[in-house]
Amino acid sequence: MWPTVRDGDDVLIESLAPACPLAVGDVVLYESPRGLVLHRIIALAADHLTTKGDAEPRPDLRIPRAAILGRLARRPGDPLRAALSAHLGPLGAYLARRARRLEALLFRRAAG
């Protein structure tokens, strides 16, 4: 999921509630034969969905809805980045990175 989420990043996963259905663009956690996977939904059907990692060239195989363990809520300490990325895709990831750099610059100026 780079650049939205990097290997080793901490994330908060929310359980799926019927009142808040899955949507294209949501980042979901599911278990595959290769382990836990955190990828973005690119297509939805009644009984399955298709996901793709942001940095992957091709989509994953179809995933049964029952295999979904939860949805990305946010990264601890960085809710803006996950929210922008989830709703705006690659553009949101870019904007979130720029916001993070600006925040670091402002913090350094305030401290110095």
PDB file of N, CA and C in Angstrom:
ATOM      1  N   MET A   1       0.816  -1.203   0.000  1.00  0.00           N
ATOM      2  CA  MET A   1       0.000   0.000   0.000  1.00  0.00           C
ATOM      3  C   MET A   1       0.854   1.259   0.000  1.00  0.00           C
ATOM      4  N   TRP A   2       2.148   1.123  -0.238  1.00  0.00           N
ATOM      5  CA  TRP A   2       2.989   2.298  -0.316  1.00  0.00           C
ATOM      6  C   TRP A   2       2.480   3.175  -1.445  1.00  0.00           C
ATOM      7  N   PRO A   3       2.355   4.474  -1.325  1.00  0.00           N
ATOM      8  CA  PRO A   3       2.877   5.323  -0.269  1.00  0.00           C
ATOM      9  C   PRO A   3       1.896   5.588   0.870  1.00  0.00           C
ATOM     10  N   THR A   4       0.659   5.095   0.747  1.00  0.00           N
ATOM     11  CA  THR A   4      -0.330   5.351   1.795  1.00  0.00           C
ATOM     12  C   THR A   4       0.080   4.736   3.115  1.00  0.00           C
ATOM     13  N   VAL A   5       0.459   3.460   3.077  1.00  0.00           N
ATOM     14  CA  VAL A   5       0.915   2.742   4.266  1.00  0.00           C
ATOM     15  C   VAL A   5       2.174   1.995   3.862  1.00  0.00           C
ATOM     16  N   ARG A   6       3.203   2.134   4.651  1.00  0.00           N
ATOM     17  CA  ARG A   6       4.472   1.461   4.362  1.00  0.00           C
ATOM     18  C   ARG A   6       4.593   0.203   5.208  1.00  0.00           C
ATOM     19  N   ASP A   7       5.409  -0.752   4.761  1.00  0.00           N
ATOM     20  CA  ASP A   7       5.659  -1.960   5.554  1.00  0.00           C
ATOM     21  C   ASP A   7       6.165  -1.544   6.928  1.00  0.00           C
ATOM     22  N   GLY A   8       5.584  -2.127   7.957  1.00  0.00           N
ATOM     23  CA  GLY A   8       5.990  -1.822   9.321  1.00  0.00           C
ATOM     24  C   GLY A   8       5.204  -0.695   9.970  1.00  0.00           C
ATOM     25  N   ASP A   9       4.402   0.065   9.198  1.00  0.00           N
ATOM     26  CA  ASP A   9       3.579   1.131   9.781  1.00  0.00           C
ATOM     27  C   ASP A   9       2.519   0.537  10.693  1.00  0.00           C
ATOM     28  N   ASP A  10       2.200   1.228  11.762  1.00  0.00           N
ATOM     29  CA  ASP A  10       1.079   0.865  12.611  1.00  0.00           C
ATOM     30  C   ASP A  10      -0.187   1.424  11.992  1.00  0.00           C
ATOM     31  N   VAL A  11      -1.242   0.643  12.011  1.00  0.00           N
ATOM     32  CA  VAL A  11      -2.532   1.103  11.496  1.00  0.00           C
ATOM     33  C   VAL A  11      -3.623   0.700  12.473  1.00  0.00           C
ATOM     34  N   LEU A  12      -4.727   1.415  12.428  1.00  0.00           N
ATOM     35  CA  LEU A  12      -5.903   1.042  13.208  1.00  0.00           C
ATOM     36  C   LEU A  12      -6.936   0.500  12.237  1.00  0.00           C
ATOM     37  N   ILE A  13      -7.436  -0.690  12.536  1.00  0.00           N
ATOM     38  CA  ILE A  13      -8.434  -1.342  11.690  1.00  0.00           C
ATOM     39  C   ILE A  13      -9.748  -1.329  12.440  1.00  0.00           C
ATOM     40  N   GLU A  14     -10.806  -0.863  11.765  1.00  0.00           N
ATOM     41  CA  GLU A  14     -12.132  -0.870  12.386  1.00  0.00           C
ATOM     42  C   GLU A  14     -12.912  -2.069  11.874  1.00  0.00           C
ATOM     43  N   SER A  15     -13.730  -2.631  12.750  1.00  0.00           N
ATOM     44  CA  SER A  15     -14.577  -3.743  12.321  1.00  0.00           C
ATOM     45  C   SER A  15     -15.654  -3.192  11.393  1.00  0.00           C
ATOM     46  N   LEU A  16     -16.179  -4.051  10.568  1.00  0.00           N
ATOM     47  CA  LEU A  16     -17.186  -3.622   9.602  1.00  0.00           C
ATOM     48  C   LEU A  16     -18.556  -3.603  10.261  1.00  0.00           C
ATOM     49  N   ALA A  17     -19.242  -2.492  10.125  1.00  0.00           N
ATOM     50  CA  ALA A  17     -20.585  -2.339  10.680  1.00  0.00           C
ATOM     51  C   ALA A  17     -21.584  -2.275   9.528  1.00  0.00           C
ATOM     52  N   PRO A  18     -22.743  -2.886   9.682  1.00  0.00           N
ATOM     53  CA  PRO A  18     -23.743  -2.847   8.615  1.00  0.00           C
ATOM     54  C   PRO A  18     -24.156  -1.422   8.250  1.00  0.00           C
ATOM     55  N   ALA A  19     -24.091  -0.514   9.213  1.00  0.00           N
ATOM     56  CA  ALA A  19     -24.499   0.870   8.961  1.00  0.00           C
ATOM     57  C   ALA A  19     -23.493   1.622   8.091  1.00  0.00           C
ATOM     58  N   CYS A  20     -22.296   1.082   7.952  1.00  0.00           N
ATOM     59  CA  CYS A  20     -21.240   1.745   7.181  1.00  0.00           C
ATOM     60  C   CYS A  20     -20.677   0.739   6.175  1.00  0.00           C
ATOM     61  N   PRO A  21     -21.352   0.548   5.046  1.00  0.00           N
ATOM     62  CA  PRO A  21     -20.928  -0.479   4.092  1.00  0.00           C
ATOM     63  C   PRO A  21     -19.605  -0.144   3.411  1.00  0.00           C
ATOM     64  N   LEU A  22     -18.998  -1.168   2.844  1.00  0.00           N
ATOM     65  CA  LEU A  22     -17.755  -0.979   2.103  1.00  0.00           C
ATOM     66  C   LEU A  22     -18.015  -0.179   0.836  1.00  0.00           C
ATOM     67  N   ALA A  23     -16.996   0.546   0.404  1.00  0.00           N
ATOM     68  CA  ALA A  23     -17.107   1.348  -0.811  1.00  0.00           C
ATOM     69  C   ALA A  23     -15.798   1.254  -1.592  1.00  0.00           C
ATOM     70  N   VAL A  24     -15.881   1.482  -2.888  1.00  0.00           N
ATOM     71  CA  VAL A  24     -14.676   1.556  -3.705  1.00  0.00           C
ATOM     72  C   VAL A  24     -13.808   2.676  -3.131  1.00  0.00           C
ATOM     73  N   GLY A  25     -12.536   2.398  -2.961  1.00  0.00           N
ATOM     74  CA  GLY A  25     -11.607   3.361  -2.360  1.00  0.00           C
ATOM     75  C   GLY A  25     -11.267   3.036  -0.921  1.00  0.00           C
ATOM     76  N   ASP A  26     -12.121   2.261  -0.225  1.00  0.00           N
ATOM     77  CA  ASP A  26     -11.804   1.844   1.142  1.00  0.00           C
ATOM     78  C   ASP A  26     -10.579   0.933   1.120  1.00  0.00           C
ATOM     79  N   VAL A  27      -9.785   1.002   2.161  1.00  0.00           N
ATOM     80  CA  VAL A  27      -8.641   0.109   2.322  1.00  0.00           C
ATOM     81  C   VAL A  27      -9.052  -0.942   3.338  1.00  0.00           C
ATOM     82  N   VAL A  28      -8.975  -2.215   2.940  1.00  0.00           N
ATOM     83  CA  VAL A  28      -9.456  -3.303   3.791  1.00  0.00           C
ATOM     84  C   VAL A  28      -8.340  -4.280   4.127  1.00  0.00           C
ATOM     85  N   LEU A  29      -8.530  -4.961   5.247  1.00  0.00           N
ATOM     86  CA  LEU A  29      -7.610  -5.994   5.702  1.00  0.00           C
ATOM     87  C   LEU A  29      -8.272  -7.343   5.479  1.00  0.00           C
ATOM     88  N   TYR A  30      -7.542  -8.250   4.834  1.00  0.00           N
ATOM     89  CA  TYR A  30      -8.055  -9.602   4.662  1.00  0.00           C
ATOM     90  C   TYR A  30      -6.901 -10.588   4.767  1.00  0.00           C
ATOM     91  N   GLU A  31      -7.274 -11.860   4.977  1.00  0.00           N
ATOM     92  CA  GLU A  31      -6.259 -12.902   5.085  1.00  0.00           C
ATOM     93  C   GLU A  31      -6.210 -13.681   3.777  1.00  0.00           C
ATOM     94  N   SER A  32      -4.996 -13.856   3.286  1.00  0.00           N
ATOM     95  CA  SER A  32      -4.783 -14.634   2.071  1.00  0.00           C
ATOM     96  C   SER A  32      -3.797 -15.745   2.389  1.00  0.00           C
ATOM     97  N   PRO A  33      -3.549 -16.656   1.457  1.00  0.00           N
ATOM     98  CA  PRO A  33      -2.559 -17.706   1.713  1.00  0.00           C
ATOM     99  C   PRO A  33      -1.165 -17.147   2.025  1.00  0.00           C
ATOM    100  N   ARG A  34      -0.867 -15.926   1.577  1.00  0.00           N
ATOM    101  CA  ARG A  34       0.455 -15.339   1.858  1.00  0.00           C
ATOM    102  C   ARG A  34       0.474 -14.533   3.145  1.00  0.00           C
ATOM    103  N   GLY A  35      -0.641 -14.451   3.848  1.00  0.00           N
ATOM    104  CA  GLY A  35      -0.722 -13.728   5.118  1.00  0.00           C
ATOM    105  C   GLY A  35      -1.753 -12.622   5.094  1.00  0.00           C
ATOM    106  N   LEU A  36      -1.648 -11.690   6.034  1.00  0.00           N
ATOM    107  CA  LEU A  36      -2.573 -10.566   6.093  1.00  0.00           C
ATOM    108  C   LEU A  36      -2.233  -9.559   4.995  1.00  0.00           C
ATOM    109  N   VAL A  37      -3.269  -9.035   4.352  1.00  0.00           N
ATOM    110  CA  VAL A  37      -3.088  -8.101   3.241  1.00  0.00           C
ATOM    111  C   VAL A  37      -3.946  -6.870   3.502  1.00  0.00           C
ATOM    112  N   LEU A  38      -3.373  -5.702   3.273  1.00  0.00           N
ATOM    113  CA  LEU A  38      -4.071  -4.429   3.408  1.00  0.00           C
ATOM    114  C   LEU A  38      -4.051  -3.766   2.032  1.00  0.00           C
ATOM    115  N   HIS A  39      -5.180  -3.817   1.317  1.00  0.00           N
ATOM    116  CA  HIS A  39      -5.259  -3.268  -0.033  1.00  0.00           C
ATOM    117  C   HIS A  39      -6.537  -2.467  -0.222  1.00  0.00           C
ATOM    118  N   ARG A  40      -6.538  -1.638  -1.264  1.00  0.00           N
ATOM    119  CA  ARG A  40      -7.668  -0.753  -1.570  1.00  0.00           C
ATOM    120  C   ARG A  40      -8.692  -1.466  -2.456  1.00  0.00           C
ATOM    121  N   ILE A  41      -9.980  -1.259  -2.166  1.00  0.00           N
ATOM    122  CA  ILE A  41     -11.052  -1.824  -2.985  1.00  0.00           C
ATOM    123  C   ILE A  41     -11.134  -1.045  -4.294  1.00  0.00           C
ATOM    124  N   ILE A  42     -11.123  -1.783  -5.419  1.00  0.00           N
ATOM    125  CA  ILE A  42     -11.276  -1.131  -6.723  1.00  0.00           C
ATOM    126  C   ILE A  42     -12.577  -1.530  -7.415  1.00  0.00           C
ATOM    127  N   ALA A  43     -13.226  -2.607  -6.940  1.00  0.00           N
ATOM    128  CA  ALA A  43     -14.515  -3.026  -7.506  1.00  0.00           C
ATOM    129  C   ALA A  43     -15.273  -3.839  -6.469  1.00  0.00           C
ATOM    130  N   LEU A  44     -16.595  -3.667  -6.467  1.00  0.00           N
ATOM    131  CA  LEU A  44     -17.459  -4.377  -5.525  1.00  0.00           C
ATOM    132  C   LEU A  44     -18.525  -5.160  -6.286  1.00  0.00           C
ATOM    133  N   ALA A  45     -18.853  -6.349  -5.774  1.00  0.00           N
ATOM    134  CA  ALA A  45     -19.973  -7.142  -6.272  1.00  0.00           C
ATOM    135  C   ALA A  45     -20.734  -7.644  -5.052  1.00  0.00           C
ATOM    136  N   ALA A  46     -21.842  -8.293  -5.274  1.00  0.00           N
ATOM    137  CA  ALA A  46     -22.683  -8.733  -4.154  1.00  0.00           C
ATOM    138  C   ALA A  46     -21.960  -9.701  -3.217  1.00  0.00           C
ATOM    139  N   ASP A  47     -21.183 -10.629  -3.774  1.00  0.00           N
ATOM    140  CA  ASP A  47     -20.559 -11.658  -2.937  1.00  0.00           C
ATOM    141  C   ASP A  47     -19.035 -11.567  -2.847  1.00  0.00           C
ATOM    142  N   HIS A  48     -18.417 -10.673  -3.593  1.00  0.00           N
ATOM    143  CA  HIS A  48     -16.963 -10.563  -3.565  1.00  0.00           C
ATOM    144  C   HIS A  48     -16.535  -9.134  -3.881  1.00  0.00           C
ATOM    145  N   LEU A  49     -15.239  -8.892  -3.738  1.00  0.00           N
ATOM    146  CA  LEU A  49     -14.683  -7.598  -4.111  1.00  0.00           C
ATOM    147  C   LEU A  49     -13.309  -7.807  -4.713  1.00  0.00           C
ATOM    148  N   THR A  50     -12.833  -6.788  -5.403  1.00  0.00           N
ATOM    149  CA  THR A  50     -11.511  -6.829  -6.003  1.00  0.00           C
ATOM    150  C   THR A  50     -10.690  -5.717  -5.378  1.00  0.00           C
ATOM    151  N   THR A  51      -9.479  -6.053  -4.981  1.00  0.00           N
ATOM    152  CA  THR A  51      -8.596  -5.072  -4.362  1.00  0.00           C
ATOM    153  C   THR A  51      -7.313  -4.951  -5.170  1.00  0.00           C
ATOM    154  N   LYS A  52      -6.558  -3.917  -4.845  1.00  0.00           N
ATOM    155  CA  LYS A  52      -5.270  -3.694  -5.494  1.00  0.00           C
ATOM    156  C   LYS A  52      -4.426  -2.851  -4.550  1.00  0.00           C
ATOM    157  N   GLY A  53      -3.178  -3.213  -4.414  1.00  0.00           N
ATOM    158  CA  GLY A  53      -2.255  -2.382  -3.658  1.00  0.00           C
ATOM    159  C   GLY A  53      -1.950  -1.122  -4.454  1.00  0.00           C
ATOM    160  N   ASP A  54      -1.786   0.001  -3.790  1.00  0.00           N
ATOM    161  CA  ASP A  54      -1.550   1.274  -4.488  1.00  0.00           C
ATOM    162  C   ASP A  54      -0.319   1.223  -5.386  1.00  0.00           C
ATOM    163  N   ALA A  55       0.692   0.465  -5.008  1.00  0.00           N
ATOM    164  CA  ALA A  55       1.922   0.405  -5.792  1.00  0.00           C
ATOM    165  C   ALA A  55       1.983  -0.828  -6.700  1.00  0.00           C
ATOM    166  N   GLU A  56       0.924  -1.620  -6.710  1.00  0.00           N
ATOM    167  CA  GLU A  56       0.899  -2.841  -7.515  1.00  0.00           C
ATOM    168  C   GLU A  56       0.408  -2.550  -8.923  1.00  0.00           C
ATOM    169  N   PRO A  57       0.980  -3.209  -9.935  1.00  0.00           N
ATOM    170  CA  PRO A  57       0.536  -2.961 -11.309  1.00  0.00           C
ATOM    171  C   PRO A  57      -0.794  -3.630 -11.651  1.00  0.00           C
ATOM    172  N   ARG A  58      -1.108  -4.749 -10.979  1.00  0.00           N
ATOM    173  CA  ARG A  58      -2.327  -5.498 -11.309  1.00  0.00           C
ATOM    174  C   ARG A  58      -3.187  -5.702 -10.069  1.00  0.00           C
ATOM    175  N   PRO A  59      -4.507  -5.858 -10.280  1.00  0.00           N
ATOM    176  CA  PRO A  59      -5.385  -6.131  -9.137  1.00  0.00           C
ATOM    177  C   PRO A  59      -5.172  -7.530  -8.579  1.00  0.00           C
ATOM    178  N   ASP A  60      -5.637  -7.715  -7.346  1.00  0.00           N
ATOM    179  CA  ASP A  60      -5.609  -9.031  -6.714  1.00  0.00           C
ATOM    180  C   ASP A  60      -6.732  -9.889  -7.300  1.00  0.00           C
ATOM    181  N   LEU A  61      -6.725 -11.166  -6.955  1.00  0.00           N
ATOM    182  CA  LEU A  61      -7.839 -12.035  -7.321  1.00  0.00           C
ATOM    183  C   LEU A  61      -9.076 -11.610  -6.532  1.00  0.00           C
ATOM    184  N   ARG A  62     -10.231 -12.063  -6.962  1.00  0.00           N
ATOM    185  CA  ARG A  62     -11.473 -11.753  -6.237  1.00  0.00           C
ATOM    186  C   ARG A  62     -11.392 -12.268  -4.807  1.00  0.00           C
ATOM    187  N   ILE A  63     -11.923 -11.478  -3.894  1.00  0.00           N
ATOM    188  CA  ILE A  63     -11.905 -11.829  -2.475  1.00  0.00           C
ATOM    189  C   ILE A  63     -13.344 -11.944  -1.998  1.00  0.00           C
ATOM    190  N   PRO A  64     -13.712 -13.060  -1.381  1.00  0.00           N
ATOM    191  CA  PRO A  64     -15.070 -13.161  -0.839  1.00  0.00           C
ATOM    192  C   PRO A  64     -15.268 -12.118   0.264  1.00  0.00           C
ATOM    193  N   ARG A  65     -16.448 -11.527   0.318  1.00  0.00           N
ATOM    194  CA  ARG A  65     -16.724 -10.519   1.364  1.00  0.00           C
ATOM    195  C   ARG A  65     -16.500 -11.094   2.757  1.00  0.00           C
ATOM    196  N   ALA A  66     -16.760 -12.378   2.930  1.00  0.00           N
ATOM    197  CA  ALA A  66     -16.592 -13.008   4.247  1.00  0.00           C
ATOM    198  C   ALA A  66     -15.128 -13.032   4.694  1.00  0.00           C
ATOM    199  N   ALA A  67     -14.186 -12.885   3.762  1.00  0.00           N
ATOM    200  CA  ALA A  67     -12.761 -12.914   4.108  1.00  0.00           C
ATOM    201  C   ALA A  67     -12.261 -11.575   4.641  1.00  0.00           C
ATOM    202  N   ILE A  68     -13.057 -10.518   4.530  1.00  0.00           N
ATOM    203  CA  ILE A  68     -12.630  -9.185   4.977  1.00  0.00           C
ATOM    204  C   ILE A  68     -12.658  -9.135   6.503  1.00  0.00           C
ATOM    205  N   LEU A  69     -11.533  -8.773   7.100  1.00  0.00           N
ATOM    206  CA  LEU A  69     -11.409  -8.702   8.557  1.00  0.00           C
ATOM    207  C   LEU A  69     -11.732  -7.315   9.102  1.00  0.00           C
ATOM    208  N   GLY A  70     -11.548  -6.278   8.293  1.00  0.00           N
ATOM    209  CA  GLY A  70     -11.829  -4.922   8.758  1.00  0.00           C
ATOM    210  C   GLY A  70     -11.384  -3.901   7.733  1.00  0.00           C
ATOM    211  N   ARG A  71     -11.577  -2.637   8.082  1.00  0.00           N
ATOM    212  CA  ARG A  71     -11.261  -1.518   7.198  1.00  0.00           C
ATOM    213  C   ARG A  71     -10.246  -0.611   7.899  1.00  0.00           C
ATOM    214  N   LEU A  72      -9.356  -0.011   7.102  1.00  0.00           N
ATOM    215  CA  LEU A  72      -8.384   0.936   7.651  1.00  0.00           C
ATOM    216  C   LEU A  72      -9.125   2.136   8.225  1.00  0.00           C
ATOM    217  N   ALA A  73      -8.921   2.375   9.513  1.00  0.00           N
ATOM    218  CA  ALA A  73      -9.529   3.535  10.156  1.00  0.00           C
ATOM    219  C   ALA A  73      -8.574   4.717  10.051  1.00  0.00           C
ATOM    220  N   ARG A  74      -7.327   4.496  10.459  1.00  0.00           N
ATOM    221  CA  ARG A  74      -6.292   5.536  10.361  1.00  0.00           C
ATOM    222  C   ARG A  74      -4.987   4.968  10.875  1.00  0.00           C
ATOM    223  N   ARG A  75      -3.943   5.726  10.671  1.00  0.00           N
ATOM    224  CA  ARG A  75      -2.648   5.400  11.257  1.00  0.00           C
ATOM    225  C   ARG A  75      -2.529   6.205  12.535  1.00  0.00           C
ATOM    226  N   PRO A  76      -2.097   5.604  13.626  1.00  0.00           N
ATOM    227  CA  PRO A  76      -1.970   6.361  14.867  1.00  0.00           C
ATOM    228  C   PRO A  76      -1.108   7.602  14.670  1.00  0.00           C
ATOM    229  N   GLY A  77      -1.601   8.738  15.124  1.00  0.00           N
ATOM    230  CA  GLY A  77      -0.855   9.984  15.036  1.00  0.00           C
ATOM    231  C   GLY A  77      -0.888  10.631  13.673  1.00  0.00           C
ATOM    232  N   ASP A  78      -1.560  10.036  12.721  1.00  0.00           N
ATOM    233  CA  ASP A  78      -1.572  10.585  11.369  1.00  0.00           C
ATOM    234  C   ASP A  78      -2.932  10.362  10.695  1.00  0.00           C
ATOM    235  N   PRO A  79      -4.025  10.804  11.309  1.00  0.00           N
ATOM    236  CA  PRO A  79      -5.343  10.531  10.726  1.00  0.00           C
ATOM    237  C   PRO A  79      -5.563  11.223   9.387  1.00  0.00           C
ATOM    238  N   LEU A  80      -4.957  12.382   9.171  1.00  0.00           N
ATOM    239  CA  LEU A  80      -5.159  13.114   7.928  1.00  0.00           C
ATOM    240  C   LEU A  80      -4.666  12.322   6.734  1.00  0.00           C
ATOM    241  N   ARG A  81      -3.512  11.714   6.874  1.00  0.00           N
ATOM    242  CA  ARG A  81      -2.906  10.979   5.761  1.00  0.00           C
ATOM    243  C   ARG A  81      -3.803   9.841   5.288  1.00  0.00           C
ATOM    244  N   ALA A  82      -4.288   9.019   6.228  1.00  0.00           N
ATOM    245  CA  ALA A  82      -5.133   7.888   5.850  1.00  0.00           C
ATOM    246  C   ALA A  82      -6.462   8.358   5.278  1.00  0.00           C
ATOM    247  N   ALA A  83      -7.040   9.393   5.877  1.00  0.00           N
ATOM    248  CA  ALA A  83      -8.334   9.887   5.399  1.00  0.00           C
ATOM    249  C   ALA A  83      -8.211  10.439   3.986  1.00  0.00           C
ATOM    250  N   LEU A  84      -7.195  11.234   3.719  1.00  0.00           N
ATOM    251  CA  LEU A  84      -7.008  11.773   2.375  1.00  0.00           C
ATOM    252  C   LEU A  84      -6.755  10.660   1.368  1.00  0.00           C
ATOM    253  N   SER A  85      -5.928   9.724   1.732  1.00  0.00           N
ATOM    254  CA  SER A  85      -5.588   8.644   0.810  1.00  0.00           C
ATOM    255  C   SER A  85      -6.798   7.774   0.512  1.00  0.00           C
ATOM    256  N   ALA A  86      -7.589   7.482   1.523  1.00  0.00           N
ATOM    257  CA  ALA A  86      -8.741   6.621   1.325  1.00  0.00           C
ATOM    258  C   ALA A  86      -9.785   7.276   0.431  1.00  0.00           C
ATOM    259  N   HIS A  87      -9.942   8.571   0.537  1.00  0.00           N
ATOM    260  CA  HIS A  87     -10.993   9.242  -0.215  1.00  0.00           C
ATOM    261  C   HIS A  87     -10.532   9.787  -1.559  1.00  0.00           C
ATOM    262  N   LEU A  88      -9.262  10.065  -1.706  1.00  0.00           N
ATOM    263  CA  LEU A  88      -8.790  10.678  -2.940  1.00  0.00           C
ATOM    264  C   LEU A  88      -7.761   9.832  -3.683  1.00  0.00           C
ATOM    265  N   GLY A  89      -7.471   8.639  -3.193  1.00  0.00           N
ATOM    266  CA  GLY A  89      -6.546   7.756  -3.887  1.00  0.00           C
ATOM    267  C   GLY A  89      -5.142   8.331  -3.959  1.00  0.00           C
ATOM    268  N   PRO A  90      -4.450   8.144  -5.085  1.00  0.00           N
ATOM    269  CA  PRO A  90      -3.067   8.613  -5.201  1.00  0.00           C
ATOM    270  C   PRO A  90      -2.922  10.119  -4.975  1.00  0.00           C
ATOM    271  N   LEU A  91      -3.897  10.904  -5.423  1.00  0.00           N
ATOM    272  CA  LEU A  91      -3.844  12.350  -5.180  1.00  0.00           C
ATOM    273  C   LEU A  91      -3.884  12.630  -3.682  1.00  0.00           C
ATOM    274  N   GLY A  92      -4.747  11.920  -2.962  1.00  0.00           N
ATOM    275  CA  GLY A  92      -4.826  12.104  -1.518  1.00  0.00           C
ATOM    276  C   GLY A  92      -3.532  11.718  -0.825  1.00  0.00           C
ATOM    277  N   ALA A  93      -2.903  10.639  -1.298  1.00  0.00           N
ATOM    278  CA  ALA A  93      -1.624  10.228  -0.714  1.00  0.00           C
ATOM    279  C   ALA A  93      -0.576  11.312  -0.932  1.00  0.00           C
ATOM    280  N   TYR A  94      -0.549  11.891  -2.124  1.00  0.00           N
ATOM    281  CA  TYR A  94       0.398  12.966  -2.414  1.00  0.00           C
ATOM    282  C   TYR A  94       0.134  14.174  -1.511  1.00  0.00           C
ATOM    283  N   LEU A  95      -1.130  14.586  -1.409  1.00  0.00           N
ATOM    284  CA  LEU A  95      -1.474  15.744  -0.570  1.00  0.00           C
ATOM    285  C   LEU A  95      -1.136  15.484   0.893  1.00  0.00           C
ATOM    286  N   ALA A  96      -1.372  14.264   1.352  1.00  0.00           N
ATOM    287  CA  ALA A  96      -1.065  13.934   2.744  1.00  0.00           C
ATOM    288  C   ALA A  96       0.434  13.995   3.003  1.00  0.00           C
ATOM    289  N   ARG A  97       1.244  13.510   2.053  1.00  0.00           N
ATOM    290  CA  ARG A  97       2.703  13.600   2.217  1.00  0.00           C
ATOM    291  C   ARG A  97       3.141  15.056   2.275  1.00  0.00           C
ATOM    292  N   ARG A  98       2.585  15.890   1.407  1.00  0.00           N
ATOM    293  CA  ARG A  98       2.935  17.313   1.407  1.00  0.00           C
ATOM    294  C   ARG A  98       2.521  17.957   2.734  1.00  0.00           C
ATOM    295  N   ALA A  99       1.329  17.612   3.246  1.00  0.00           N
ATOM    296  CA  ALA A  99       0.875  18.166   4.523  1.00  0.00           C
ATOM    297  C   ALA A  99       1.799  17.730   5.651  1.00  0.00           C
ATOM    298  N   ARG A 100       2.271  16.492   5.599  1.00  0.00           N
ATOM    299  CA  ARG A 100       3.169  15.990   6.640  1.00  0.00           C
ATOM    300  C   ARG A 100       4.501  16.735   6.611  1.00  0.00           C
ATOM    301  N   ARG A 101       5.026  16.998   5.418  1.00  0.00           N
ATOM    302  CA  ARG A 101       6.288  17.751   5.298  1.00  0.00           C
ATOM    303  C   ARG A 101       6.121  19.179   5.801  1.00  0.00           C
ATOM    304  N   LEU A 102       4.995  19.790   5.467  1.00  0.00           N
ATOM    305  CA  LEU A 102       4.728  21.154   5.929  1.00  0.00           C
ATOM    306  C   LEU A 102       4.631  21.184   7.451  1.00  0.00           C
ATOM    307  N   GLU A 103       3.950  20.189   8.013  1.00  0.00           N
ATOM    308  CA  GLU A 103       3.828  20.108   9.469  1.00  0.00           C
ATOM    309  C   GLU A 103       5.213  19.987  10.113  1.00  0.00           C
ATOM    310  N   ALA A 104       6.091  19.150   9.552  1.00  0.00           N
ATOM    311  CA  ALA A 104       7.443  18.988  10.103  1.00  0.00           C
ATOM    312  C   ALA A 104       8.229  20.291  10.003  1.00  0.00           C
ATOM    313  N   LEU A 105       8.098  20.996   8.896  1.00  0.00           N
ATOM    314  CA  LEU A 105       8.791  22.265   8.708  1.00  0.00           C
ATOM    315  C   LEU A 105       8.311  23.295   9.730  1.00  0.00           C
ATOM    316  N   LEU A 106       7.014  23.390   9.907  1.00  0.00           N
ATOM    317  CA  LEU A 106       6.461  24.341  10.872  1.00  0.00           C
ATOM    318  C   LEU A 106       6.887  23.997  12.291  1.00  0.00           C
ATOM    319  N   PHE A 107       6.931  22.698  12.593  1.00  0.00           N
ATOM    320  CA  PHE A 107       7.333  22.274  13.928  1.00  0.00           C
ATOM    321  C   PHE A 107       8.796  22.677  14.181  1.00  0.00           C
ATOM    322  N   ARG A 108       9.662  22.478  13.170  1.00  0.00           N
ATOM    323  CA  ARG A 108      11.074  22.853  13.330  1.00  0.00           C
ATOM    324  C   ARG A 108      11.230  24.357  13.521  1.00  0.00           C
ATOM    325  N   ARG A 109      10.453  25.123  12.779  1.00  0.00           N
ATOM    326  CA  ARG A 109      10.532  26.595  12.933  1.00  0.00           C
ATOM    327  C   ARG A 109      10.071  27.039  14.302  1.00  0.00           C
ATOM    328  N   ALA A 110       9.001  26.407  14.801  1.00  0.00           N
ATOM    329  CA  ALA A 110       8.477  26.771  16.114  1.00  0.00           C
ATOM    330  C   ALA A 110       9.450  26.380  17.222  1.00  0.00           C
ATOM    331  N   ALA A 111      10.143  25.271  17.045  1.00  0.00           N
ATOM    332  CA  ALA A 111      11.092  24.809  18.060  1.00  0.00           C
ATOM    333  C   ALA A 111      12.399  25.569  18.014  1.00  0.00           C
ATOM    334  N   GLY A 112      12.743  26.098  16.843  1.00  0.00           N
ATOM    335  CA  GLY A 112      14.054  26.735  16.697  1.00  0.00           C
ATOM    336  C   GLY A 112      13.997  28.186  16.826  1.00  0.00           C
TER     337      GLY A 112
END
